[in-house]
C-alpha cells in the first residue's frame, strides 16, 4: 500500500489488521483510545464475560452526541476462498479489502478522524461527544452495548443524539440511512414423540409427522400487517433436526429453531401467545426454549434526521432514503436512553461475505459527513 494514504483509510487499515472475531476485540479499542486520549476524552473500559466495552466522553455539557459501533467481526470463513488474507488489508482497484472493512471498522476509523478534525477546528465546541464501542455485536450481544447502556442508565446519563456506524448504504454512500429496526425473537421448539421401529408405526409417535402441519400453518400465518415504516412481521424456521441417523428408526423428538422479525405493532408476548395457540390447536406435546430477543426501535423525523439528510445531500448530492429494513443492531439498546438514533455507514453489499470491501474514497467522505453532523448538532460551526 502507498505510504501517503488518507487518514481515515490509514486507520481503517490498522484496525482491519487486528483480527477481532467476536467476541475478541483484538486490541482495536486500545488503538481507538490511543487516538482519542490526546483529544481530552475520559475512558471507562470494562470487560464483561470476555467482552470488551468502551465508553469514552469528551465534555460534560448537553447535548451529548454518541458515536456507537463495534470492533468485533464475523469469522472470515474459508481463507482459501478469499482473494487475499481477510486480516491483511489490501487496497485493490480503489477498494479496501479485509474482514470488517464495511462492517464496521471503516466507520470506526471515520468516527475517529472526524472527531480529530472537529476538535482541531473547534476545541471549545458546545455539548459533549461520546463513543460507545463493544466487541459483542456480531455474537450474542448479551454482554456488549446492553451492558454499556445499563451502566449509563444507572448513572442517570441520557444521550441526545446517537449515530451508529452500521453499513446502511445500499448502492452508493449515503443513499440509505436506517432510522429503525425490527425486533427479533428466537427460540427452539421441541416436539415430543415416541421412538420406534419404522415397520411398527402403531407402536410409535412420529414427531416429524406431528409437527409438519403445525410448522406449515406457522409459516403461512399473517402475524400482523406492519405499518407505514415497517414491513409485516415474518416467521422463519432456520433449522430442523430429528432422528438417530438410522433409516429404520422413528425419532422420539424433533427440534426446530425459529425466528420472528417483528414490527413494533406486535409484541414479544403477543407473538409467543399466538405461536402457542397454533401448537395447542394441533395437539402437540411440545416445549419452547426462548433463546434471544431484541426490541424494535424507530426514530421519527426530528433534528437528527433533518440534519443528517441535509449533510449527506450537501456532501454527496444524494437525498438519503429512510429505512427500517434489514436485521437488528445495537441501536435497539441505545434507543432506551436516546430518543434519536440513526445508522449511517458505508455500502453494505459485501458485509459478512468473502472478499468484504469498502470503496476507499468513501471512507474520507464518510468522515466528512460525521464531522459535519457533529458540528451542526453541537453548534460548533465557525
Protein backbone atom coordinates (compact mmCIF):
# COMPACT_ATOMS: atom_id res chain seq x y z
CA UNK A 1 0.00 0.00 0.00
CA UNK A 2 1.20 3.56 -0.62
CA UNK A 3 2.61 5.37 2.40
CA UNK A 4 0.71 8.59 1.75
CA UNK A 5 -2.79 7.15 2.13
CA UNK A 6 -5.54 9.35 3.56
CA UNK A 7 -6.01 9.42 7.36
CA UNK A 8 -9.29 7.51 7.57
CA UNK A 9 -8.01 4.82 5.22
CA UNK A 10 -4.81 4.62 7.26
CA UNK A 11 -6.71 3.99 10.49
CA UNK A 12 -9.12 1.52 8.85
CA UNK A 13 -6.11 -0.47 7.64
CA UNK A 14 -4.68 -0.58 11.16
CA UNK A 15 -7.99 -1.78 12.61
CA UNK A 16 -8.55 -4.50 9.99
CA UNK A 17 -5.02 -5.79 10.60
CA UNK A 18 -6.05 -6.60 14.19
CA UNK A 19 -8.05 -9.85 13.97
CA UNK A 20 -11.09 -9.46 16.22
CA UNK A 21 -13.51 -12.31 15.59
CA UNK A 22 -16.39 -11.90 18.03
CA UNK A 23 -16.16 -11.51 20.99
CA UNK A 24 -12.41 -10.79 20.72
CA UNK A 25 -11.51 -7.12 20.49
CA UNK A 26 -8.04 -7.89 19.16
CA UNK A 27 -6.56 -4.68 20.54
CA UNK A 28 -8.76 -2.44 18.39
CA UNK A 29 -10.19 -0.45 21.28
CA UNK A 30 -6.70 0.21 22.64
CA UNK A 31 -5.89 1.81 19.29
CA UNK A 32 -9.04 3.92 19.48
CA UNK A 33 -8.12 5.07 22.99
CA UNK A 34 -4.63 5.93 21.80
CA UNK A 35 -6.11 8.26 19.20
CA UNK A 36 -8.78 9.78 21.44
CA UNK A 37 -6.73 10.36 24.59
CA UNK A 38 -4.86 13.42 23.22
CA UNK A 39 -8.25 14.98 22.42
CA UNK A 40 -9.26 15.03 26.07
CA UNK A 41 -11.55 12.00 26.24
CA UNK A 42 -12.12 10.24 29.56
CA UNK A 43 -12.46 6.46 29.37
CA UNK A 44 -14.46 3.77 31.10
CA UNK A 45 -13.26 0.35 29.91
CA UNK A 46 -14.96 -2.78 31.20
CA UNK A 47 -14.58 -6.47 30.40
CA UNK A 48 -17.89 -8.27 30.79
CA UNK A 49 -17.65 -12.06 30.47
CA UNK A 50 -14.84 -11.79 27.94
CA UNK A 51 -16.41 -8.86 26.07
CA UNK A 52 -14.51 -5.57 25.92
CA UNK A 53 -16.68 -2.46 26.24
CA UNK A 54 -15.57 1.14 25.89
CA UNK A 55 -17.34 4.32 26.93
CA UNK A 56 -15.36 7.45 26.12
CA UNK A 57 -16.58 11.01 26.61
CA UNK A 58 -15.26 14.50 25.91
CA UNK A 59 -17.08 17.26 27.76
CA UNK A 60 -19.91 17.28 30.27
CA UNK A 61 -22.47 19.63 28.74
CA UNK A 62 -25.57 18.88 26.69
CA UNK A 63 -26.33 17.97 24.03
CA UNK A 64 -24.49 14.66 24.21
CA UNK A 65 -23.83 13.10 20.79
CA UNK A 66 -22.82 9.44 20.87
CA UNK A 67 -20.91 7.63 18.13
CA UNK A 68 -21.60 3.91 18.51
CA UNK A 69 -20.12 0.82 16.96
CA UNK A 70 -18.35 -2.48 17.39
CA UNK A 71 -14.82 -3.76 16.92
CA UNK A 72 -15.74 -7.45 16.58
CA UNK A 73 -16.24 -9.06 13.19
CA UNK A 74 -17.79 -12.29 11.96
CA UNK A 75 -15.48 -15.24 11.16
CA UNK A 76 -13.94 -14.97 7.68
CA UNK A 77 -14.92 -18.47 6.60
CA UNK A 78 -12.56 -20.50 4.39
CA UNK A 79 -9.50 -18.32 3.93
CA UNK A 80 -8.67 -20.01 0.65
CA UNK A 81 -11.91 -18.57 -0.75
CA UNK A 82 -10.63 -15.02 -0.22
CA UNK A 83 -8.64 -13.28 -2.94
CA UNK A 84 -6.29 -12.06 -0.18
CA UNK A 85 -5.93 -12.79 3.54
CA UNK A 86 -9.01 -11.36 5.33
CA UNK A 87 -6.84 -9.88 8.09
CA UNK A 88 -4.15 -8.45 5.82
CA UNK A 89 -5.87 -5.32 4.44
CA UNK A 90 -5.24 -4.76 0.75
CA UNK A 91 -6.05 -1.78 -1.45
CA UNK A 92 -7.05 -3.03 -4.87
CA UNK A 93 -8.85 -1.23 -7.72
CA UNK A 94 -9.91 1.58 -5.41
CA UNK A 95 -11.36 -0.73 -2.74
CA UNK A 96 -10.07 -1.67 0.69
CA UNK A 97 -10.41 -5.43 1.22
CA UNK A 98 -10.50 -7.19 4.59
CA UNK A 99 -12.87 -8.59 7.17
CA UNK A 100 -14.57 -5.65 8.85
CA UNK A 101 -13.80 -3.14 6.08
CA UNK A 102 -17.51 -2.30 5.77
CA UNK A 103 -18.86 -3.84 8.98
CA UNK A 104 -17.67 -1.78 10.68
CA UNK A 105 -14.03 -0.84 11.11
CA UNK A 106 -14.26 1.65 8.26
CA UNK A 107 -16.96 3.54 10.17
CA UNK A 108 -14.96 3.44 13.40
CA UNK A 109 -11.98 4.93 11.59
CA UNK A 110 -14.21 7.64 10.11
CA UNK A 111 -15.63 8.41 13.57
CA UNK A 112 -12.16 8.97 14.98
CA UNK A 113 -10.77 11.10 12.16
CA UNK A 114 -14.00 13.14 12.10
CA UNK A 115 -13.65 13.92 15.80
CA UNK A 116 -9.94 14.69 15.42
CA UNK A 117 -10.73 17.21 12.69
CA UNK A 118 -13.63 18.69 14.65
CA UNK A 119 -11.60 19.20 17.83
CA UNK A 120 -8.72 20.72 15.87
CA UNK A 121 -11.10 23.25 14.31
CA UNK A 122 -13.38 23.78 17.33
CA UNK A 123 -11.54 22.86 20.55
CA UNK A 124 -14.22 24.65 22.57
CA UNK A 125 -17.23 23.12 20.82
CA UNK A 126 -20.53 23.02 22.65
CA UNK A 127 -22.04 19.91 24.18
CA UNK A 128 -20.23 16.60 24.53
CA UNK A 129 -19.04 13.78 22.28
CA UNK A 130 -19.05 10.14 23.35
CA UNK A 131 -18.01 6.80 21.90
CA UNK A 132 -19.85 3.57 22.81
CA UNK A 133 -17.88 0.64 21.40
CA UNK A 134 -18.24 -3.08 22.09
CA UNK A 135 -16.71 -6.35 20.93
CA UNK A 136 -20.00 -8.27 21.17
CA UNK A 137 -22.30 -7.03 18.40
CA UNK A 138 -21.75 -9.88 15.95
CA UNK A 139 -22.14 -12.52 18.65
CA UNK A 140 -24.76 -12.97 21.33
CA UNK A 141 -24.92 -9.21 22.07
CA UNK A 142 -25.66 -10.03 25.70
CA UNK A 143 -22.57 -8.50 27.30
CA UNK A 144 -21.88 -5.69 24.83
CA UNK A 145 -23.72 -2.44 24.24
CA UNK A 146 -26.51 -3.66 26.52
CA UNK A 147 -24.06 -3.52 29.44
CA UNK A 148 -22.83 -0.05 28.48
CA UNK A 149 -26.42 1.18 28.41
CA UNK A 150 -27.22 -0.43 31.76
CA UNK A 151 -24.33 1.44 33.39
CA UNK A 152 -25.33 4.72 31.76
CA UNK A 153 -28.91 4.25 32.97
CA UNK A 154 -27.68 3.57 36.49
CA UNK A 155 -25.62 6.78 36.36
CA UNK A 156 -28.57 8.77 35.06
CA UNK A 157 -26.82 9.55 31.75
CA UNK A 158 -29.06 10.35 28.80
CA UNK A 159 -27.89 10.65 25.20
CA UNK A 160 -29.45 13.32 22.99
CA UNK A 161 -28.37 12.01 19.58
CA UNK A 162 -26.77 8.72 18.59
CA UNK A 163 -25.10 7.84 15.29
CA UNK A 164 -24.45 4.13 14.79
CA UNK A 165 -21.81 3.35 12.17
CA UNK A 166 -23.53 0.26 10.76
CA UNK A 167 -23.23 -0.08 6.96
CA UNK A 168 -26.60 1.40 5.99
CA UNK A 169 -25.95 2.39 2.37
CA UNK A 170 -27.10 0.10 -0.43
CA UNK A 171 -25.84 1.26 -3.83
CA UNK A 172 -23.93 4.46 -3.09
CA UNK A 173 -22.66 6.04 0.09
CA UNK A 174 -25.47 7.98 1.73
CA UNK A 175 -28.37 6.62 -0.30
CA UNK A 176 -29.98 4.97 2.76
CA UNK A 177 -29.89 5.67 6.48
CA UNK A 178 -31.61 3.40 8.98
CA UNK A 179 -33.96 5.14 11.38
CA UNK A 180 -35.28 1.96 12.95
CA UNK A 181 -35.03 -1.81 13.07
CA UNK A 182 -37.47 -4.65 13.50
CA UNK A 183 -37.47 -6.66 16.70
CA UNK A 184 -36.04 -10.16 16.76
CA UNK A 185 -37.31 -13.12 18.78
CA UNK A 186 -35.69 -16.56 18.53
CA UNK A 187 -36.44 -19.90 20.08
CA UNK A 188 -36.17 -23.65 19.76
CA UNK A 189 -39.34 -25.72 19.53
CA UNK A 190 -39.12 -29.32 20.74
CA UNK A 191 -41.93 -31.64 19.67
CA UNK A 192 -42.02 -34.88 21.66
CA UNK A 193 -42.99 -38.21 20.14
CA UNK A 194 -42.34 -41.86 20.83
CA UNK A 195 -39.35 -43.60 19.27
CA UNK A 196 -39.95 -46.87 17.50
CA UNK A 197 -39.34 -49.12 14.52
CA UNK A 198 -40.47 -47.81 11.16
CA UNK A 199 -42.13 -51.17 10.47
CA UNK A 200 -44.38 -50.77 13.54
CA UNK A 201 -45.61 -47.15 13.40
CA UNK A 202 -48.64 -48.07 15.54
CA UNK A 203 -46.23 -48.51 18.46
CA UNK A 204 -44.60 -45.11 17.98
CA UNK A 205 -45.50 -41.45 17.52
CA UNK A 206 -43.51 -39.72 14.80
CA UNK A 207 -42.79 -36.09 15.83
CA UNK A 208 -41.90 -35.18 12.24
CA UNK A 209 -45.37 -36.12 11.05
CA UNK A 210 -46.97 -34.47 14.06
CA UNK A 211 -45.05 -31.20 13.69
CA UNK A 212 -45.26 -30.78 9.91
CA UNK A 213 -48.87 -29.42 9.74
CA UNK A 214 -48.22 -27.01 12.60
CA UNK A 215 -45.00 -25.72 11.05
CA UNK A 216 -46.80 -25.25 7.74
CA UNK A 217 -49.52 -23.22 9.45
CA UNK A 218 -46.96 -21.11 11.31
CA UNK A 219 -45.13 -20.38 8.07
CA UNK A 220 -48.38 -19.30 6.42
CA UNK A 221 -49.68 -17.20 9.32
CA UNK A 222 -50.10 -13.47 8.80
CA UNK A 223 -48.83 -12.22 12.14
CA UNK A 224 -49.60 -8.53 11.54
CA UNK A 225 -49.81 -6.00 8.72
CA UNK A 226 -46.79 -3.90 9.70
CA UNK A 227 -47.21 -0.14 9.40
CA UNK A 228 -46.08 2.78 7.26
CA UNK A 229 -42.48 2.36 8.47
CA UNK A 230 -42.12 -1.40 8.98
CA UNK A 231 -43.00 -4.44 6.85
CA UNK A 232 -45.24 -7.15 8.26
CA UNK A 233 -43.78 -9.50 10.85
CA UNK A 234 -42.19 -12.68 9.47
CA UNK A 235 -41.67 -16.15 10.95
CA UNK A 236 -38.90 -18.41 9.69
CA UNK A 237 -37.74 -21.88 10.65
CA UNK A 238 -33.96 -21.89 10.31
CA UNK A 239 -33.07 -25.44 11.35
CA UNK A 240 -34.88 -28.76 11.88
CA UNK A 241 -33.34 -31.83 13.46
CA UNK A 242 -34.81 -35.23 14.23
CA UNK A 243 -33.76 -38.85 14.06
CA UNK A 244 -30.95 -41.07 15.25
CA UNK A 245 -29.20 -41.32 11.91
CA UNK A 246 -30.62 -44.77 11.27
CA UNK A 247 -33.08 -45.26 8.43
CA UNK A 248 -35.30 -47.72 10.28
CA UNK A 249 -35.96 -45.73 13.48
CA UNK A 250 -38.85 -43.37 14.06
CA UNK A 251 -37.39 -40.48 16.10
CA UNK A 252 -38.57 -39.66 19.58
CA UNK A 253 -38.28 -35.87 19.24
CA UNK A 254 -37.95 -33.05 16.75
CA UNK A 255 -36.12 -29.79 17.38
CA UNK A 256 -36.85 -26.74 15.22
CA UNK A 257 -35.03 -23.42 15.55
CA UNK A 258 -37.16 -20.43 14.55
CA UNK A 259 -37.10 -16.65 14.46
CA UNK A 260 -39.59 -13.79 14.34
CA UNK A 261 -38.59 -10.46 12.82
CA UNK A 262 -41.36 -8.26 14.07
CA UNK A 263 -42.76 -4.81 13.55
CA UNK A 264 -43.49 -2.60 16.58
CA UNK A 265 -47.20 -3.26 16.08
CA UNK A 266 -46.57 -6.71 17.58
CA UNK A 267 -45.03 -7.62 20.92
CA UNK A 268 -42.91 -10.47 22.20
CA UNK A 269 -45.75 -11.60 24.46
CA UNK A 270 -48.33 -11.44 21.68
CA UNK A 271 -46.23 -13.44 19.24
CA UNK A 272 -45.45 -16.09 21.86
CA UNK A 273 -49.15 -16.40 22.68
CA UNK A 274 -50.14 -16.81 19.01
CA UNK A 275 -47.41 -19.39 18.49
CA UNK A 276 -48.59 -21.43 21.47
CA UNK A 277 -52.20 -21.25 20.25
CA UNK A 278 -51.25 -22.84 16.92
CA UNK A 279 -49.22 -25.59 18.58
CA UNK A 280 -52.01 -26.30 21.07
CA UNK A 281 -54.60 -26.48 18.32
CA UNK A 282 -52.55 -29.23 16.67
CA UNK A 283 -52.44 -31.17 19.92
CA UNK A 284 -48.66 -31.30 20.14
CA UNK A 285 -46.62 -32.35 23.15
CA UNK A 286 -44.02 -29.60 22.99
CA UNK A 287 -41.59 -27.33 24.80
CA UNK A 288 -40.22 -23.95 23.75
CA UNK A 289 -36.86 -22.56 24.82
CA UNK A 290 -36.59 -18.84 24.06
CA UNK A 291 -33.01 -18.12 23.07
CA UNK A 292 -32.70 -14.47 22.02
CA UNK A 293 -34.72 -11.26 21.93
CA UNK A 294 -34.12 -7.77 20.64
CA UNK A 295 -36.65 -4.96 20.83
CA UNK A 296 -37.63 -2.90 17.78
CA UNK A 297 -36.88 0.81 17.68
CA UNK A 298 -37.91 3.72 15.49
CA UNK A 299 -36.64 7.30 15.26
CA UNK A 300 -39.22 9.63 13.80
CA UNK A 301 -38.32 12.70 11.78
CA UNK A 302 -36.70 15.24 14.07
CA UNK A 303 -33.50 17.22 14.34
CA UNK A 304 -31.13 14.28 13.80
CA UNK A 305 -32.95 13.03 10.72
CA UNK A 306 -33.19 16.54 9.28
CA UNK A 307 -29.54 17.39 9.91
CA UNK A 308 -28.34 14.02 8.60
CA UNK A 309 -30.35 14.35 5.38
CA UNK A 310 -29.09 17.89 4.77
CA UNK A 311 -25.48 16.91 5.48
CA UNK A 312 -25.49 13.86 3.24
CA UNK A 313 -27.15 15.80 0.45
CA UNK A 314 -24.57 18.58 0.80
CA UNK A 315 -21.55 16.25 0.69
CA UNK A 316 -22.73 13.56 -1.75
CA UNK A 317 -25.52 15.12 -3.79
CA UNK A 318 -27.81 12.28 -2.65
CA UNK A 319 -31.00 12.66 -0.65
CA UNK A 320 -31.00 9.60 1.64
CA UNK A 321 -33.98 7.33 1.99
CA UNK A 322 -35.12 6.38 5.48
CA UNK A 323 -35.36 2.64 6.06
CA UNK A 324 -36.24 0.27 8.88
CA UNK A 325 -35.42 -2.86 6.87
CA UNK A 326 -32.75 -5.46 7.47
CA UNK A 327 -31.68 -7.26 10.61
CA UNK A 328 -31.22 -5.82 14.03
CA UNK A 329 -28.45 -3.69 15.52
CA UNK A 330 -27.22 -2.31 18.82
CA UNK A 331 -29.34 0.74 18.13
CA UNK A 332 -32.09 -1.15 19.95
CA UNK A 333 -30.20 -0.81 23.23
CA UNK A 334 -29.15 2.79 22.74
CA UNK A 335 -32.73 3.77 21.95
CA UNK A 336 -33.54 3.07 25.61
CA UNK A 337 -31.61 6.19 26.65
CA UNK A 338 -31.62 8.18 23.40
CA UNK A 339 -34.72 9.46 21.59
CA UNK A 340 -32.98 9.90 18.23
CA UNK A 341 -30.85 7.05 16.84
CA UNK A 342 -29.69 6.80 13.22
CA UNK A 343 -27.48 4.29 11.44
CA UNK A 344 -25.23 5.94 8.87
CA UNK A 345 -22.45 3.98 7.25
CA UNK A 346 -20.86 2.62 4.07
CA UNK A 347 -22.31 0.38 1.38
CA UNK A 348 -23.39 -2.98 2.80
CA UNK A 349 -23.18 -5.13 -0.36
CA UNK A 350 -20.27 -7.28 0.85
CA UNK A 351 -20.76 -7.43 4.62
CA UNK A 352 -20.30 -10.93 6.11
CA UNK A 353 -19.17 -12.16 2.67
CA UNK A 354 -15.91 -13.43 1.26
CA UNK A 355 -13.80 -10.50 -0.02
CA UNK A 356 -15.58 -7.93 2.13
CA UNK A 357 -14.60 -4.47 0.91
CA UNK A 358 -15.34 -0.77 1.04
CA UNK A 359 -14.61 1.92 -1.52
CA UNK A 360 -11.51 3.67 -0.21
CA UNK A 361 -12.64 7.16 -1.20
CA UNK A 362 -15.95 6.61 0.61
CA UNK A 363 -14.12 6.44 3.92
CA UNK A 364 -12.97 10.07 3.69
CA UNK A 365 -16.42 11.20 2.57
CA UNK A 366 -17.97 9.31 5.46
CA UNK A 367 -15.59 11.03 7.88
CA UNK A 368 -16.61 14.39 6.40
CA UNK A 369 -20.28 13.51 6.91
CA UNK A 370 -19.69 12.57 10.53
CA UNK A 371 -17.68 15.73 11.19
CA UNK A 372 -20.31 18.00 9.65
CA UNK A 373 -23.06 16.22 11.59
CA UNK A 374 -21.18 16.79 14.84
CA UNK A 375 -20.58 20.44 14.01
CA UNK A 376 -24.26 21.04 13.40
CA UNK A 377 -25.57 19.02 16.34
CA UNK A 378 -23.10 20.64 18.73
CA UNK A 379 -23.49 24.11 17.19
CA UNK A 380 -19.76 24.17 16.58
CA UNK A 381 -19.77 25.89 13.19
CA UNK A 382 -17.24 28.64 12.82
